[in-house]
C-alpha atoms as a PDB file:
ATOM      1  CA  UNK A   1       9.583  18.960  -4.111  1.00  0.00           C
ATOM      2  CA  UNK A   2       6.529  17.573  -5.900  1.00  0.00           C
ATOM      3  CA  UNK A   3       5.628  13.994  -4.989  1.00  0.00           C
ATOM      4  CA  UNK A   4       3.995  11.885  -7.678  1.00  0.00           C
ATOM      5  CA  UNK A   5       1.400   9.498  -6.206  1.00  0.00           C
ATOM      6  CA  UNK A   6      -0.599   6.554  -7.546  1.00  0.00           C
ATOM      7  CA  UNK A   7      -3.469   5.885  -5.139  1.00  0.00           C
ATOM      8  CA  UNK A   8      -5.264   2.551  -5.571  1.00  0.00           C
ATOM      9  CA  UNK A   9      -8.848   2.330  -4.302  1.00  0.00           C
ATOM     10  CA  UNK A  10     -11.506  -0.363  -4.594  1.00  0.00           C
ATOM     11  CA  UNK A  11     -12.875   1.430  -7.689  1.00  0.00           C
ATOM     12  CA  UNK A  12      -9.653   2.165  -9.560  1.00  0.00           C
ATOM     13  CA  UNK A  13      -6.480   4.228  -9.512  1.00  0.00           C
ATOM     14  CA  UNK A  14      -5.908   7.971  -9.212  1.00  0.00           C
ATOM     15  CA  UNK A  15      -2.572   9.368 -10.275  1.00  0.00           C
ATOM     16  CA  UNK A  16      -1.346  12.901  -9.609  1.00  0.00           C
ATOM     17  CA  UNK A  17       0.889  15.227  -7.625  1.00  0.00           C
ATOM     18  CA  UNK A  18       0.484  15.454  -3.840  1.00  0.00           C
ATOM     19  CA  UNK A  19      -1.200  18.823  -3.303  1.00  0.00           C
ATOM     20  CA  UNK A  20       0.242  19.605   0.109  1.00  0.00           C
ATOM     21  CA  UNK A  21       3.698  19.901   1.657  1.00  0.00           C
ATOM     22  CA  UNK A  22       5.237  17.028   3.592  1.00  0.00           C
ATOM     23  CA  UNK A  23       5.622  13.310   3.095  1.00  0.00           C
ATOM     24  CA  UNK A  24       2.931  11.014   1.708  1.00  0.00           C
ATOM     25  CA  UNK A  25       2.567   9.126   5.012  1.00  0.00           C
ATOM     26  CA  UNK A  26       1.567  12.355   6.797  1.00  0.00           C
ATOM     27  CA  UNK A  27      -0.981  13.165   4.095  1.00  0.00           C
ATOM     28  CA  UNK A  28      -2.534   9.709   4.467  1.00  0.00           C
ATOM     29  CA  UNK A  29      -2.528   9.524   8.250  1.00  0.00           C
ATOM     30  CA  UNK A  30      -3.764  12.998   9.157  1.00  0.00           C
ATOM     31  CA  UNK A  31      -7.314  11.626   9.256  1.00  0.00           C
ATOM     32  CA  UNK A  32      -8.591  13.563   6.268  1.00  0.00           C
ATOM     33  CA  UNK A  33      -8.102  13.008   2.599  1.00  0.00           C
ATOM     34  CA  UNK A  34      -5.299  12.579   0.086  1.00  0.00           C
ATOM     35  CA  UNK A  35      -5.295  15.703  -2.119  1.00  0.00           C
ATOM     36  CA  UNK A  36      -3.962  15.270  -5.677  1.00  0.00           C
ATOM     37  CA  UNK A  37      -3.425  17.976  -8.312  1.00  0.00           C
ATOM     38  CA  UNK A  38      -3.222  17.321 -12.043  1.00  0.00           C
ATOM     39  CA  UNK A  39      -4.902  14.007 -11.376  1.00  0.00           C
ATOM     40  CA  UNK A  40      -6.027  11.287 -13.738  1.00  0.00           C
ATOM     41  CA  UNK A  41      -8.532   8.576 -12.861  1.00  0.00           C
ATOM     42  CA  UNK A  42      -8.696   5.060 -14.275  1.00  0.00           C
ATOM     43  CA  UNK A  43     -11.535   2.814 -13.126  1.00  0.00           C
ATOM     44  CA  UNK A  44     -10.936  -0.911 -12.860  1.00  0.00           C
ATOM     45  CA  UNK A  45     -12.811  -1.563 -16.110  1.00  0.00           C
ATOM     46  CA  UNK A  46     -11.482   1.487 -17.996  1.00  0.00           C
ATOM     47  CA  UNK A  47      -9.020   0.968 -20.833  1.00  0.00           C
ATOM     48  CA  UNK A  48      -7.255   4.288 -20.214  1.00  0.00           C
ATOM     49  CA  UNK A  49      -7.098   7.033 -17.617  1.00  0.00           C
ATOM     50  CA  UNK A  50      -9.033  10.274 -18.021  1.00  0.00           C
ATOM     51  CA  UNK A  51      -8.149  13.725 -16.710  1.00  0.00           C
ATOM     52  CA  UNK A  52      -9.775  14.478 -13.358  1.00  0.00           C
ATOM     53  CA  UNK A  53      -8.207  17.818 -12.359  1.00  0.00           C
ATOM     54  CA  UNK A  54      -7.870  18.029  -8.577  1.00  0.00           C
ATOM     55  CA  UNK A  55      -9.080  15.156  -6.404  1.00  0.00           C
ATOM     56  CA  UNK A  56      -9.383  14.584  -2.676  1.00  0.00           C
ATOM     57  CA  UNK A  57      -9.600  10.874  -1.878  1.00  0.00           C
ATOM     58  CA  UNK A  58     -10.641   9.981   1.680  1.00  0.00           C
ATOM     59  CA  UNK A  59      -7.591   8.359   3.294  1.00  0.00           C
ATOM     60  CA  UNK A  60      -9.672   5.394   4.440  1.00  0.00           C
ATOM     61  CA  UNK A  61     -10.515   4.658   0.780  1.00  0.00           C
ATOM     62  CA  UNK A  62      -6.836   4.365  -0.204  1.00  0.00           C
ATOM     63  CA  UNK A  63      -5.821   0.697  -0.209  1.00  0.00           C
ATOM     64  CA  UNK A  64      -2.305   1.164  -1.611  1.00  0.00           C
ATOM     65  CA  UNK A  65      -0.324   4.347  -2.292  1.00  0.00           C
ATOM     66  CA  UNK A  66       2.800   4.281  -4.449  1.00  0.00           C
ATOM     67  CA  UNK A  67       4.943   7.413  -4.553  1.00  0.00           C
ATOM     68  CA  UNK A  68       8.304   8.672  -5.730  1.00  0.00           C
ATOM     69  CA  UNK A  69       9.183  10.288  -2.381  1.00  0.00           C
ATOM     70  CA  UNK A  70      11.803   9.147   0.124  1.00  0.00           C
ATOM     71  CA  UNK A  71      10.425   6.028   1.778  1.00  0.00           C
ATOM     72  CA  UNK A  72      12.242   6.537   5.069  1.00  0.00           C
ATOM     73  CA  UNK A  73      13.385   2.914   5.035  1.00  0.00           C
ATOM     74  CA  UNK A  74      14.393   1.723   8.515  1.00  0.00           C
ATOM     75  CA  UNK A  75      18.092   1.134   9.063  1.00  0.00           C
ATOM     76  CA  UNK A  76      19.124  -2.457   9.913  1.00  0.00           C
ATOM     77  CA  UNK A  77      15.700  -3.852   9.064  1.00  0.00           C
ATOM     78  CA  UNK A  78      15.157  -7.513   8.299  1.00  0.00           C
ATOM     79  CA  UNK A  79      12.974  -7.790   5.195  1.00  0.00           C
ATOM     80  CA  UNK A  80      10.270 -10.441   4.816  1.00  0.00           C
ATOM     81  CA  UNK A  81       8.664 -11.329   1.505  1.00  0.00           C
ATOM     82  CA  UNK A  82       4.871 -11.070   1.693  1.00  0.00           C
ATOM     83  CA  UNK A  83       1.922 -11.320  -0.635  1.00  0.00           C
ATOM     84  CA  UNK A  84      -1.365  -9.707   0.268  1.00  0.00           C
ATOM     85  CA  UNK A  85      -4.828  -9.148  -1.133  1.00  0.00           C
ATOM     86  CA  UNK A  86      -6.525  -5.818  -0.585  1.00  0.00           C
ATOM     87  CA  UNK A  87      -9.774  -5.082  -2.371  1.00  0.00           C
ATOM     88  CA  UNK A  88      -9.357  -6.074  -6.026  1.00  0.00           C
ATOM     89  CA  UNK A  89      -5.533  -6.038  -5.868  1.00  0.00           C
ATOM     90  CA  UNK A  90      -2.757  -8.504  -5.186  1.00  0.00           C
ATOM     91  CA  UNK A  91       0.389  -6.872  -3.835  1.00  0.00           C
ATOM     92  CA  UNK A  92       3.774  -8.534  -3.423  1.00  0.00           C
ATOM     93  CA  UNK A  93       6.648  -6.875  -1.616  1.00  0.00           C
ATOM     94  CA  UNK A  94       8.922  -6.904   1.402  1.00  0.00           C
ATOM     95  CA  UNK A  95       7.893  -5.825   4.898  1.00  0.00           C
ATOM     96  CA  UNK A  96      10.560  -4.526   7.327  1.00  0.00           C
ATOM     97  CA  UNK A  97      10.951  -5.793  10.883  1.00  0.00           C
ATOM     98  CA  UNK A  98      13.731  -5.145  13.324  1.00  0.00           C
ATOM     99  CA  UNK A  99      16.416  -7.846  13.615  1.00  0.00           C
ATOM    100  CA  UNK A 100      15.392 -10.575  16.058  1.00  0.00           C
ATOM    101  CA  UNK A 101      11.713  -9.657  15.799  1.00  0.00           C
ATOM    102  CA  UNK A 102       9.529 -12.434  17.210  1.00  0.00           C
ATOM    103  CA  UNK A 103       5.849 -11.807  16.435  1.00  0.00           C
ATOM    104  CA  UNK A 104       4.725 -14.189  19.170  1.00  0.00           C
ATOM    105  CA  UNK A 105       6.596 -12.269  21.863  1.00  0.00           C
ATOM    106  CA  UNK A 106       6.526  -8.732  20.486  1.00  0.00           C
ATOM    107  CA  UNK A 107       5.319  -6.094  22.910  1.00  0.00           C
ATOM    108  CA  UNK A 108       5.181  -3.331  20.341  1.00  0.00           C
ATOM    109  CA  UNK A 109       2.557  -3.211  17.652  1.00  0.00           C
ATOM    110  CA  UNK A 110       2.615  -1.219  14.443  1.00  0.00           C
ATOM    111  CA  UNK A 111       1.211   2.244  14.792  1.00  0.00           C
ATOM    112  CA  UNK A 112      -0.638   4.161  12.147  1.00  0.00           C
ATOM    113  CA  UNK A 113      -2.960   3.029   9.425  1.00  0.00           C
ATOM    114  CA  UNK A 114      -0.348   2.541   6.684  1.00  0.00           C
ATOM    115  CA  UNK A 115       2.627   0.168   6.590  1.00  0.00           C
ATOM    116  CA  UNK A 116       5.661   0.394   4.339  1.00  0.00           C
ATOM    117  CA  UNK A 117       6.504  -2.282   1.761  1.00  0.00           C
ATOM    118  CA  UNK A 118       9.471  -2.112  -0.594  1.00  0.00           C
ATOM    119  CA  UNK A 119      10.028  -3.586  -4.062  1.00  0.00           C
ATOM    120  CA  UNK A 120       6.324  -3.902  -4.710  1.00  0.00           C
ATOM    121  CA  UNK A 121       4.448  -5.523  -7.566  1.00  0.00           C
ATOM    122  CA  UNK A 122       0.721  -4.804  -7.819  1.00  0.00           C
ATOM    123  CA  UNK A 123      -1.897  -6.388 -10.083  1.00  0.00           C
ATOM    124  CA  UNK A 124      -5.682  -6.554 -10.393  1.00  0.00           C
ATOM    125  CA  UNK A 125      -6.592 -10.061  -9.247  1.00  0.00           C
ATOM    126  CA  UNK A 126      -9.497 -10.529 -11.683  1.00  0.00           C
ATOM    127  CA  UNK A 127      -7.514  -9.207 -14.675  1.00  0.00           C
ATOM    128  CA  UNK A 128      -4.012 -10.696 -14.688  1.00  0.00           C
ATOM    129  CA  UNK A 129      -3.790 -10.110 -18.447  1.00  0.00           C
ATOM    130  CA  UNK A 130      -3.738  -6.360 -17.735  1.00  0.00           C
ATOM    131  CA  UNK A 131      -0.206  -6.729 -16.350  1.00  0.00           C
ATOM    132  CA  UNK A 132       1.202  -5.270 -13.167  1.00  0.00           C
ATOM    133  CA  UNK A 133       2.615  -2.081 -11.718  1.00  0.00           C
ATOM    134  CA  UNK A 134       5.902  -1.934  -9.834  1.00  0.00           C
ATOM    135  CA  UNK A 135       7.397   0.526  -7.389  1.00  0.00           C
ATOM    136  CA  UNK A 136      10.351   1.017  -5.075  1.00  0.00           C
ATOM    137  CA  UNK A 137       7.984   1.286  -2.130  1.00  0.00           C
ATOM    138  CA  UNK A 138       4.331   1.631  -1.211  1.00  0.00           C
ATOM    139  CA  UNK A 139       2.192   2.378   1.804  1.00  0.00           C
ATOM    140  CA  UNK A 140      -0.443  -0.287   2.480  1.00  0.00           C
ATOM    141  CA  UNK A 141      -3.654   0.416   4.399  1.00  0.00           C
ATOM    142  CA  UNK A 142      -3.260  -2.349   6.973  1.00  0.00           C
ATOM    143  CA  UNK A 143      -6.944  -2.257   7.932  1.00  0.00           C
ATOM    144  CA  UNK A 144      -8.045  -2.944   4.335  1.00  0.00           C
ATOM    145  CA  UNK A 145      -6.009  -6.134   3.800  1.00  0.00           C
ATOM    146  CA  UNK A 146      -8.186  -9.214   3.273  1.00  0.00           C
ATOM    147  CA  UNK A 147      -5.528 -11.949   3.090  1.00  0.00           C
ATOM    148  CA  UNK A 148      -1.788 -12.178   3.666  1.00  0.00           C
ATOM    149  CA  UNK A 149       0.789 -14.846   2.937  1.00  0.00           C
ATOM    150  CA  UNK A 150       4.140 -14.515   4.736  1.00  0.00           C
ATOM    151  CA  UNK A 151       6.906 -16.395   6.503  1.00  0.00           C
ATOM    152  CA  UNK A 152       5.954 -14.681   9.794  1.00  0.00           C
ATOM    153  CA  UNK A 153       2.713 -14.637  11.738  1.00  0.00           C
ATOM    154  CA  UNK A 154       1.579 -11.084  10.959  1.00  0.00           C
ATOM    155  CA  UNK A 155      -2.027 -11.106  12.121  1.00  0.00           C
ATOM    156  CA  UNK A 156      -1.596  -8.077  14.379  1.00  0.00           C
ATOM    157  CA  UNK A 157       0.027  -6.123  11.534  1.00  0.00           C
ATOM    158  CA  UNK A 158      -3.117  -6.648   9.435  1.00  0.00           C
ATOM    159  CA  UNK A 159      -6.169  -6.916  11.747  1.00  0.00           C
ATOM    160  CA  UNK A 160      -9.023  -8.854  10.198  1.00  0.00           C
ATOM    161  CA  UNK A 161      -6.937 -10.420   7.435  1.00  0.00           C
ATOM    162  CA  UNK A 162      -6.798 -14.157   6.861  1.00  0.00           C
ATOM    163  CA  UNK A 163      -3.185 -15.306   7.293  1.00  0.00           C
ATOM    164  CA  UNK A 164      -1.710 -18.081   5.175  1.00  0.00           C
ATOM    165  CA  UNK A 165       1.689 -19.290   6.348  1.00  0.00           C
ATOM    166  CA  UNK A 166       4.269 -19.945   3.639  1.00  0.00           C
ATOM    167  CA  UNK A 167       3.969 -23.584   2.701  1.00  0.00           C
ATOM    168  CA  UNK A 168       0.152 -23.679   3.074  1.00  0.00           C
ATOM    169  CA  UNK A 169      -1.799 -24.329  -0.107  1.00  0.00           C
END
């Protein structure tokens, strides 16, 4: 089954079909690049996308990846509304944790470079008039997040990010 992917980088967005078998998460976390066929590229300042053929985007350059594949949503997860800033983008969505999760006492830490969010809304921070993109789910490069706002202390989920607790201004 072909997986349609929108990959957001600091320079713009590439859209295309995942050019390898398997789920998007595997393509992103294998340490190489995200291969896209039939791709289009739209820079942050471009009015429209232009055909780019086949692209291979280094996985570390992908800030957010939105796809139409099966998200593999965890069963019995508790969902927490978060807002984050990554590169030029603001992303809102819901992050899953297991019921009873206490970030101050958690022994387990997230593994992998990308974390799942559901019900996402993405916009370019400097151009709110351009509108926003939505998706059922996205994978967020947790090492590329600059700021996060959530009802939980999620500093270890997003190393290096400034954390604003809900209620802070």
